[in-house]
Amino acid sequence: MENKKTALIVEGGGQRGVFSFGITDTFINRNYDPFDIYMGVSNGVAVLCWYLIRETDNNLEKMLYAAKGDYLSYKNIFIGKDIIKFHQMYEDGEKMFKPSMEKIKNNLKGKDYIAVVTDAIEANAEYYSFGDGEWMPKMIASGTLPILVRTPSLIDGRRKFDGGVADPLPVEKAYEMGAKKIIVIRTYEKKFRRKLKIENYIGALLSREYPKLRKALLMHDKTYNRAVDFINNPPSDCEIVQLCPPEKLKSKRDSKNIEILKADYNLGKKVAKVYLDGLEN
């Protein structure tokens, strides 16, 4: 008999991840975990980390501490330093919240937890599984945005960038891995279609040392929208469920407004409740 897997994919989005945390915290509180594959992109990897640890006590605080901290300075673009002090933010967060890799390992038996990363030279998506060496560098690499994060993320000596550049919604990869039901937690509303923004052009201009990455940044809208097309028109043997904010989140990638972040976290909890209540009825 064919083994049909179920996957949970969590999109990135920086501080918009408070919405995703609201969903996964509700999943934990309702003991909902039918998944065989967990796949995160950028901040989505961190959301899944705490989902697999099964901790909900401080998850909102994990996002708020980043908003309260001194981790963002757009002035640094002129002096070649990190605009987002991403590595420091993760190092500080690890010391403060002490994520248990052992708990993840115990909750992952027979399952896959994957971080999506973009290779700097080839600009292709790479999929790193938990257990393949030290995990924190993979989490950091998955969220290392070109230009905004100047400190290199290295895996096996090669520079890596945010997984969202090459595969922002890895639904096709999950399907290739045998997932016949895929739940996607998105940080954008269902109708959202990606358009190239000014930062794509700036990023491409400043990434001339990586020609393929430069091209990927200029094609990011097509990459994203192709994944949305797959979600909206999956293969006949695959069911895809989207858990999205009903309208555009007020939180932005770099939001510092605590009340807005709390509101979007609570919105995630409401969306998850509606979904789980529907399963029970």
Protein backbone atom coordinates (compact mmCIF):
# COMPACT_ATOMS: atom_id res chain seq x y z
CA MET A 1 0.00 0.00 0.00
CA GLU A 2 1.33 3.43 -0.98
CA ASN A 3 2.59 5.53 1.91
CA LYS A 4 0.90 8.92 1.51
CA LYS A 5 2.69 11.58 3.50
CA THR A 6 1.40 14.82 4.96
CA ALA A 7 3.58 17.94 4.92
CA LEU A 8 3.57 21.25 6.80
CA ILE A 9 5.24 24.16 5.01
CA VAL A 10 5.84 27.51 6.71
CA GLU A 11 6.57 30.54 4.54
CA GLY A 12 9.08 33.17 5.62
CA GLY A 13 8.41 36.85 6.09
CA GLY A 14 10.51 38.21 8.95
CA GLN A 15 8.35 39.69 11.69
CA ARG A 16 5.22 38.60 9.82
CA GLY A 17 6.08 35.21 11.29
CA VAL A 18 4.09 36.18 14.38
CA PHE A 19 1.03 35.07 12.39
CA SER A 20 2.64 31.67 11.75
CA PHE A 21 3.53 31.33 15.44
CA GLY A 22 -0.10 31.94 16.31
CA ILE A 23 -1.08 29.01 14.10
CA THR A 24 1.57 26.56 15.32
CA ASP A 25 0.99 27.48 18.97
CA THR A 26 -2.67 26.60 18.47
CA PHE A 27 -1.65 23.34 16.80
CA ILE A 28 0.45 22.47 19.86
CA ASN A 29 -2.31 23.37 22.31
CA ARG A 30 -4.78 21.25 20.36
CA ASN A 31 -2.32 18.32 19.98
CA TYR A 32 -2.50 18.59 16.21
CA ASP A 33 0.46 17.04 14.40
CA PRO A 34 -0.42 14.65 11.56
CA PHE A 35 2.73 15.58 9.64
CA ASP A 36 5.54 13.49 8.19
CA ILE A 37 7.44 16.39 6.60
CA TYR A 38 8.12 19.84 8.07
CA MET A 39 9.63 22.36 5.66
CA GLY A 40 10.50 25.94 6.53
CA VAL A 41 11.78 28.92 4.60
CA SER A 42 13.63 31.74 6.36
CA ASN A 43 11.70 32.62 9.55
CA GLY A 44 9.50 29.59 8.86
CA VAL A 45 12.40 27.34 9.91
CA ALA A 46 12.40 28.99 13.36
CA VAL A 47 8.62 28.67 13.65
CA LEU A 48 8.91 24.94 12.98
CA CYS A 49 11.79 24.66 15.43
CA TRP A 50 9.57 25.70 18.33
CA TYR A 51 6.62 23.72 17.00
CA LEU A 52 8.77 20.58 17.10
CA ILE A 53 10.07 21.44 20.57
CA ARG A 54 6.39 21.71 21.56
CA GLU A 55 6.89 24.96 23.41
CA THR A 56 4.27 27.71 23.32
CA ASP A 57 5.08 29.65 26.50
CA ASN A 58 7.36 32.28 25.01
CA ASN A 59 6.79 32.10 21.26
CA LEU A 60 5.30 35.56 20.94
CA GLU A 61 8.17 36.86 23.05
CA LYS A 62 10.64 35.29 20.61
CA MET A 63 9.35 37.63 17.92
CA LEU A 64 8.93 40.64 20.19
CA TYR A 65 12.50 40.45 21.49
CA ALA A 66 13.73 40.89 17.91
CA ALA A 67 11.49 43.93 17.54
CA LYS A 68 12.73 45.42 20.81
CA GLY A 69 16.40 44.74 20.14
CA ASP A 70 18.97 46.79 18.25
CA TYR A 71 19.09 44.51 15.23
CA LEU A 72 18.13 46.87 12.40
CA SER A 73 19.94 49.89 10.97
CA TYR A 74 19.42 51.07 7.40
CA LYS A 75 22.33 53.49 7.85
CA ASN A 76 24.66 50.48 7.73
CA ILE A 77 24.10 50.15 3.98
CA PHE A 78 26.52 53.06 3.53
CA ILE A 79 29.31 51.47 5.59
CA GLY A 80 29.06 47.88 4.37
CA LYS A 81 27.73 46.41 7.62
CA ASP A 82 24.64 44.31 8.30
CA ILE A 83 21.41 46.24 7.88
CA ILE A 84 19.77 43.38 9.74
CA LYS A 85 22.11 41.97 12.41
CA PHE A 86 20.74 38.53 11.69
CA HIS A 87 23.53 36.36 13.08
CA GLN A 88 23.65 38.34 16.31
CA MET A 89 19.87 38.16 16.64
CA TYR A 90 19.94 34.35 16.39
CA GLU A 91 22.90 34.06 18.76
CA ASP A 92 21.20 36.26 21.34
CA GLY A 93 17.92 34.39 20.91
CA GLU A 94 19.62 31.04 21.37
CA LYS A 95 21.16 32.20 24.64
CA MET A 96 17.89 33.69 25.86
CA PHE A 97 15.42 30.95 24.89
CA LYS A 98 17.71 27.86 24.78
CA PRO A 99 16.03 25.73 22.08
CA SER A 100 16.38 22.01 22.82
CA MET A 101 17.73 20.14 19.81
CA GLU A 102 17.20 16.93 21.78
CA LYS A 103 13.45 17.53 22.00
CA ILE A 104 13.29 18.11 18.25
CA LYS A 105 15.19 14.88 17.66
CA ASN A 106 12.79 12.93 19.88
CA ASN A 107 9.73 14.37 18.11
CA LEU A 108 11.14 13.73 14.65
CA LYS A 109 11.58 9.97 14.67
CA GLY A 110 10.77 8.72 11.19
CA LYS A 111 10.03 12.25 9.98
CA ASP A 112 11.82 15.03 8.07
CA TYR A 113 12.45 18.63 9.20
CA ILE A 114 13.94 20.65 6.35
CA ALA A 115 15.43 24.12 5.98
CA VAL A 116 15.35 25.64 2.49
CA VAL A 117 18.51 27.54 1.55
CA THR A 118 19.71 29.25 -1.66
CA ASP A 119 23.27 28.63 -2.84
CA ALA A 120 25.07 31.88 -3.66
CA ILE A 121 26.95 30.64 -6.73
CA GLU A 122 24.39 28.39 -8.40
CA ALA A 123 21.29 30.20 -7.01
CA ASN A 124 19.52 26.84 -6.73
CA ALA A 125 17.46 25.71 -3.76
CA GLU A 126 19.07 23.31 -1.30
CA TYR A 127 17.12 21.31 1.26
CA TYR A 128 18.93 20.52 4.51
CA SER A 129 17.48 17.94 6.85
CA PHE A 130 17.69 18.19 10.62
CA GLY A 131 20.37 15.84 11.87
CA ASP A 132 22.81 16.55 9.04
CA GLY A 133 25.38 18.33 11.19
CA GLU A 134 24.88 21.45 13.31
CA TRP A 135 21.40 22.90 12.84
CA MET A 136 21.68 26.55 13.85
CA PRO A 137 23.86 27.55 10.84
CA LYS A 138 21.20 26.10 8.52
CA MET A 139 18.46 28.06 10.27
CA ILE A 140 20.50 31.24 9.96
CA ALA A 141 21.40 30.56 6.32
CA SER A 142 17.76 30.06 5.39
CA GLY A 143 17.00 33.64 6.47
CA THR A 144 20.18 35.40 5.31
CA LEU A 145 18.82 38.00 2.91
CA PRO A 146 21.17 39.25 0.18
CA ILE A 147 22.48 42.79 0.81
CA LEU A 148 20.52 43.22 4.06
CA VAL A 149 22.77 40.67 5.79
CA ARG A 150 26.43 41.19 4.89
CA THR A 151 27.89 38.69 7.35
CA PRO A 152 28.33 35.50 5.30
CA SER A 153 26.37 32.34 6.07
CA LEU A 154 28.58 29.40 5.18
CA ILE A 155 27.70 25.72 4.91
CA ASP A 156 30.57 23.40 3.96
CA GLY A 157 32.58 26.46 3.01
CA ARG A 158 30.03 27.78 0.49
CA ARG A 159 28.06 30.96 0.94
CA LYS A 160 24.28 30.58 1.29
CA PHE A 161 21.33 32.96 1.24
CA ASP A 162 17.66 33.07 2.14
CA GLY A 163 15.80 30.03 0.85
CA GLY A 164 12.99 32.29 -0.32
CA VAL A 165 15.11 33.47 -3.25
CA ALA A 166 15.10 30.05 -4.96
CA ASP A 167 12.05 28.32 -3.44
CA PRO A 168 9.81 30.59 -1.36
CA LEU A 169 6.91 28.10 -1.19
CA PRO A 170 8.42 24.62 -1.53
CA VAL A 171 5.18 22.80 -2.34
CA GLU A 172 6.58 21.01 -5.39
CA LYS A 173 9.51 19.70 -3.35
CA ALA A 174 7.13 18.38 -0.67
CA TYR A 175 5.08 16.66 -3.38
CA GLU A 176 8.25 15.11 -4.85
CA MET A 177 9.00 13.75 -1.36
CA GLY A 178 5.69 11.90 -1.36
CA ALA A 179 3.38 14.40 0.34
CA LYS A 180 -0.19 13.92 -0.86
CA LYS A 181 -1.63 16.42 1.63
CA ILE A 182 0.19 19.69 2.14
CA ILE A 183 -0.72 22.41 4.60
CA VAL A 184 0.94 25.73 3.81
CA ILE A 185 1.12 28.48 6.42
CA ARG A 186 1.51 31.67 4.45
CA THR A 187 2.25 35.18 5.65
CA TYR A 188 0.38 36.69 2.72
CA GLU A 189 -3.30 36.49 1.86
CA LYS A 190 -4.50 33.86 -0.65
CA LYS A 191 -4.95 36.31 -3.51
CA PHE A 192 -1.40 37.67 -3.17
CA ARG A 193 0.76 37.56 -6.29
CA ARG A 194 4.39 38.64 -6.14
CA LYS A 195 5.60 41.70 -8.03
CA LEU A 196 9.21 42.74 -8.30
CA LYS A 197 10.03 45.47 -5.82
CA ILE A 198 12.76 48.07 -5.74
CA GLU A 199 14.81 45.91 -3.36
CA ASN A 200 14.98 43.16 -5.99
CA TYR A 201 16.66 45.55 -8.39
CA ILE A 202 18.95 46.95 -5.70
CA GLY A 203 19.81 43.43 -4.56
CA ALA A 204 20.58 42.38 -8.12
CA LEU A 205 22.70 45.48 -8.70
CA LEU A 206 24.74 44.80 -5.58
CA SER A 207 25.09 41.05 -6.23
CA ARG A 208 27.15 41.25 -9.39
CA GLU A 209 29.74 38.87 -7.94
CA TYR A 210 27.04 36.16 -8.08
CA PRO A 211 25.55 36.33 -11.62
CA LYS A 212 23.09 33.48 -11.13
CA LEU A 213 21.87 34.90 -7.83
CA ARG A 214 21.44 38.27 -9.53
CA LYS A 215 19.27 36.63 -12.18
CA ALA A 216 17.24 34.79 -9.52
CA LEU A 217 16.51 38.06 -7.73
CA LEU A 218 15.22 39.58 -10.98
CA MET A 219 13.00 36.53 -11.59
CA HIS A 220 11.72 36.24 -8.04
CA ASP A 221 8.19 37.25 -8.95
CA LYS A 222 7.96 34.43 -11.49
CA THR A 223 9.46 31.91 -9.04
CA TYR A 224 6.97 32.86 -6.34
CA ASN A 225 3.94 32.98 -8.60
CA ARG A 226 4.79 29.62 -10.16
CA ALA A 227 4.57 28.10 -6.67
CA VAL A 228 1.23 29.86 -6.11
CA ASP A 229 -0.01 28.36 -9.39
CA PHE A 230 0.97 24.89 -8.13
CA ILE A 231 -0.90 25.53 -4.87
CA ASN A 232 -4.02 26.63 -6.74
CA ASN A 233 -3.81 23.79 -9.28
CA PRO A 234 -2.19 20.79 -7.54
CA PRO A 235 -1.87 17.33 -9.12
CA SER A 236 -5.03 15.24 -8.93
CA ASP A 237 -3.57 13.03 -6.19
CA CYS A 238 -2.55 15.95 -3.95
CA GLU A 239 -4.59 18.14 -1.60
CA ILE A 240 -3.17 21.53 -0.61
CA VAL A 241 -4.64 23.60 2.22
CA GLN A 242 -3.60 27.21 2.72
CA LEU A 243 -3.74 28.88 6.12
CA CYS A 244 -3.48 32.56 5.26
CA PRO A 245 -4.33 35.87 6.88
CA PRO A 246 -7.78 36.92 5.62
CA GLU A 247 -6.28 40.25 4.55
CA LYS A 248 -2.81 41.75 4.38
CA LEU A 249 -1.05 41.59 7.74
CA LYS A 250 -0.29 44.88 9.41
CA SER A 251 3.09 43.49 10.46
CA LYS A 252 5.94 44.00 8.03
CA ARG A 253 9.26 42.20 7.71
CA ASP A 254 10.95 44.71 10.01
CA SER A 255 8.01 45.73 12.26
CA LYS A 256 8.79 47.01 15.74
CA ASN A 257 5.25 47.96 16.80
CA ILE A 258 4.49 45.54 19.62
CA GLU A 259 0.71 45.96 19.51
CA ILE A 260 0.58 45.27 15.77
CA LEU A 261 2.72 42.16 16.21
CA LYS A 262 0.51 40.90 19.04
CA ALA A 263 -2.61 41.47 16.95
CA ASP A 264 -1.24 39.46 14.03
CA TYR A 265 -0.20 36.67 16.40
CA ASN A 266 -3.76 36.50 17.72
CA LEU A 267 -5.06 36.52 14.15
CA GLY A 268 -2.96 33.41 13.49
CA LYS A 269 -4.55 31.75 16.51
CA LYS A 270 -8.02 32.56 15.16
CA VAL A 271 -7.24 31.17 11.70
CA ALA A 272 -5.90 27.95 13.22
CA LYS A 273 -8.94 27.58 15.48
CA VAL A 274 -11.33 27.91 12.55
CA TYR A 275 -9.34 25.29 10.61
CA LEU A 276 -9.16 22.79 13.47
CA ASP A 277 -12.81 23.29 14.45
CA GLY A 278 -13.72 22.52 10.85
CA LEU A 279 -11.83 19.23 11.00
CA GLU A 280 -13.78 18.19 14.10
CA ASN A 281 -17.20 19.00 12.65
